[in-house]
Amino acid sequence: MKPETRNPNDGGDGTPAITPTELFRAFSSDRRQRALDYLAAKPAAIPLGDVAEFVALEEGEPSYDRYERILVDLYHNHLPQLTDVGLVAYDAETELVSLAIDRAVVAPYLRLADSSESVAGPDR
């Protein structure tokens, strides 16, 4: 028997469950944690550029050059990982990104990541 984290909003439509391993892999990157934290706080889809700007501010380097590098990294590295697992939905035409699952599913992981950062310090 394999433990799984189910999306309470899947309504039995056959949407695959997200395994704890997939969630932990998604949370293994500070940048993905920040992006998920930001998306979990938003009620609707937002531009990917807004996520990149938030991450740049959180990382303490809000220059335009840094913003562009983060935007590219999110688009080519982190966003595909998050969409493949089913945590995030991305519309390439509008460049809007949103949390694809209920916030309650990721909230405990975000709290755990936040508490481990405060214990280990910001340079984990």
Protein backbone atom coordinates (compact mmCIF):
# COMPACT_ATOMS: atom_id res chain seq x y z
CA MET A 1 0.00 0.00 0.00
CA LYS A 2 1.48 3.31 -1.12
CA PRO A 3 0.65 6.52 0.82
CA GLU A 4 -0.62 9.36 -1.32
CA THR A 5 -1.66 12.95 -0.83
CA ARG A 6 -4.99 13.42 -2.54
CA ASN A 7 -6.27 16.63 -3.96
CA PRO A 8 -9.52 17.29 -2.11
CA ASN A 9 -10.84 19.09 -5.20
CA ASP A 10 -10.25 16.31 -7.70
CA GLY A 11 -13.89 15.27 -7.47
CA GLY A 12 -13.09 11.72 -8.47
CA ASP A 13 -12.37 12.74 -12.05
CA GLY A 14 -9.37 10.46 -12.27
CA THR A 15 -6.82 13.16 -11.51
CA PRO A 16 -3.76 11.30 -10.25
CA ALA A 17 -2.82 11.72 -6.61
CA ILE A 18 0.44 13.41 -5.72
CA THR A 19 2.72 11.11 -3.75
CA PRO A 20 4.66 12.35 -0.72
CA THR A 21 7.88 11.67 -2.64
CA GLU A 22 6.75 14.01 -5.42
CA LEU A 23 5.83 16.68 -2.90
CA PHE A 24 9.15 16.41 -1.08
CA ARG A 25 10.99 16.58 -4.41
CA ALA A 26 9.03 19.71 -5.31
CA PHE A 27 9.90 21.23 -1.94
CA SER A 28 13.58 20.31 -2.20
CA SER A 29 14.32 23.64 -3.91
CA ASP A 30 14.10 26.92 -2.00
CA ARG A 31 13.04 28.64 -5.22
CA ARG A 32 10.15 26.24 -5.78
CA GLN A 33 9.13 26.66 -2.13
CA ARG A 34 9.00 30.43 -2.57
CA ALA A 35 7.01 30.12 -5.80
CA LEU A 36 4.51 27.72 -4.22
CA ASP A 37 4.21 29.93 -1.16
CA TYR A 38 3.39 32.92 -3.37
CA LEU A 39 0.91 30.99 -5.51
CA ALA A 40 -0.80 29.55 -2.43
CA ALA A 41 -1.47 33.10 -1.24
CA LYS A 42 -3.15 34.12 -4.51
CA PRO A 43 -6.83 33.42 -5.22
CA ALA A 44 -6.39 33.31 -9.01
CA ALA A 45 -3.83 32.82 -11.76
CA ILE A 46 -1.06 35.42 -11.93
CA PRO A 47 1.65 36.29 -14.46
CA LEU A 48 4.82 34.23 -14.21
CA GLY A 49 6.75 37.51 -14.08
CA ASP A 50 5.04 38.36 -10.78
CA VAL A 51 6.26 35.07 -9.32
CA ALA A 52 9.80 35.81 -10.53
CA GLU A 53 9.65 39.29 -9.00
CA PHE A 54 8.49 37.86 -5.66
CA VAL A 55 11.28 35.26 -5.67
CA ALA A 56 13.88 37.93 -6.49
CA LEU A 57 12.67 40.03 -3.57
CA GLU A 58 12.64 37.04 -1.23
CA GLU A 59 16.16 36.07 -2.27
CA GLY A 60 17.29 39.59 -1.43
CA GLU A 61 18.52 40.48 -4.92
CA PRO A 62 15.76 42.46 -6.64
CA SER A 63 17.77 43.81 -9.60
CA TYR A 64 16.35 43.60 -13.11
CA ASP A 65 19.16 41.27 -14.21
CA ARG A 66 18.47 38.95 -11.28
CA TYR A 67 14.74 39.06 -12.03
CA GLU A 68 15.38 37.97 -15.64
CA ARG A 69 17.62 35.08 -14.56
CA ILE A 70 15.01 33.92 -12.05
CA LEU A 71 12.25 34.19 -14.67
CA VAL A 72 14.23 32.00 -17.08
CA ASP A 73 15.07 29.51 -14.31
CA LEU A 74 11.43 29.30 -13.24
CA TYR A 75 10.23 28.84 -16.81
CA HIS A 76 12.79 26.25 -17.92
CA ASN A 77 13.54 24.39 -14.68
CA HIS A 78 11.09 24.79 -11.83
CA LEU A 79 7.78 25.34 -13.62
CA PRO A 80 8.02 22.09 -15.64
CA GLN A 81 8.77 20.14 -12.45
CA LEU A 82 5.80 21.66 -10.64
CA THR A 83 3.41 21.17 -13.56
CA ASP A 84 4.56 17.57 -14.16
CA VAL A 85 3.71 16.69 -10.57
CA GLY A 86 0.37 18.48 -10.81
CA LEU A 87 1.00 21.19 -8.23
CA VAL A 88 0.89 24.10 -10.66
CA ALA A 89 -1.06 24.94 -13.81
CA TYR A 90 0.54 27.11 -16.47
CA ASP A 91 -1.12 28.64 -19.52
CA ALA A 92 1.66 29.31 -22.04
CA GLU A 93 -0.59 31.52 -24.19
CA THR A 94 -1.40 33.97 -21.40
CA GLU A 95 1.73 33.22 -19.32
CA LEU A 96 -0.45 32.83 -16.24
CA VAL A 97 0.42 30.40 -13.47
CA SER A 98 -1.75 29.14 -10.61
CA LEU A 99 -1.81 26.54 -7.91
CA ALA A 100 -3.46 23.47 -9.43
CA ILE A 101 -4.44 21.87 -6.14
CA ASP A 102 -6.16 23.02 -2.98
CA ARG A 103 -4.00 25.24 -0.78
CA ALA A 104 -4.65 22.92 2.15
CA VAL A 105 -2.57 20.23 0.44
CA VAL A 106 0.62 22.32 0.31
CA ALA A 107 0.09 24.40 3.48
CA PRO A 108 1.64 21.86 5.89
CA TYR A 109 4.70 21.52 3.66
CA LEU A 110 5.06 25.30 3.43
CA ARG A 111 4.86 25.59 7.21
CA LEU A 112 7.44 22.82 7.61
CA ALA A 113 9.78 24.50 5.10
CA ASP A 114 9.33 27.85 6.86
CA SER A 115 10.03 26.41 10.30
CA SER A 116 13.11 24.51 9.11
CA GLU A 117 14.48 27.73 7.57
CA SER A 118 14.07 29.59 10.83
CA VAL A 119 15.89 26.78 12.67
CA ALA A 120 18.69 26.36 10.11
CA GLY A 121 18.89 30.02 9.12
CA PRO A 122 18.40 31.50 5.65
CA ASP A 123 21.55 29.88 4.18
CA ARG A 124 20.50 26.25 4.54
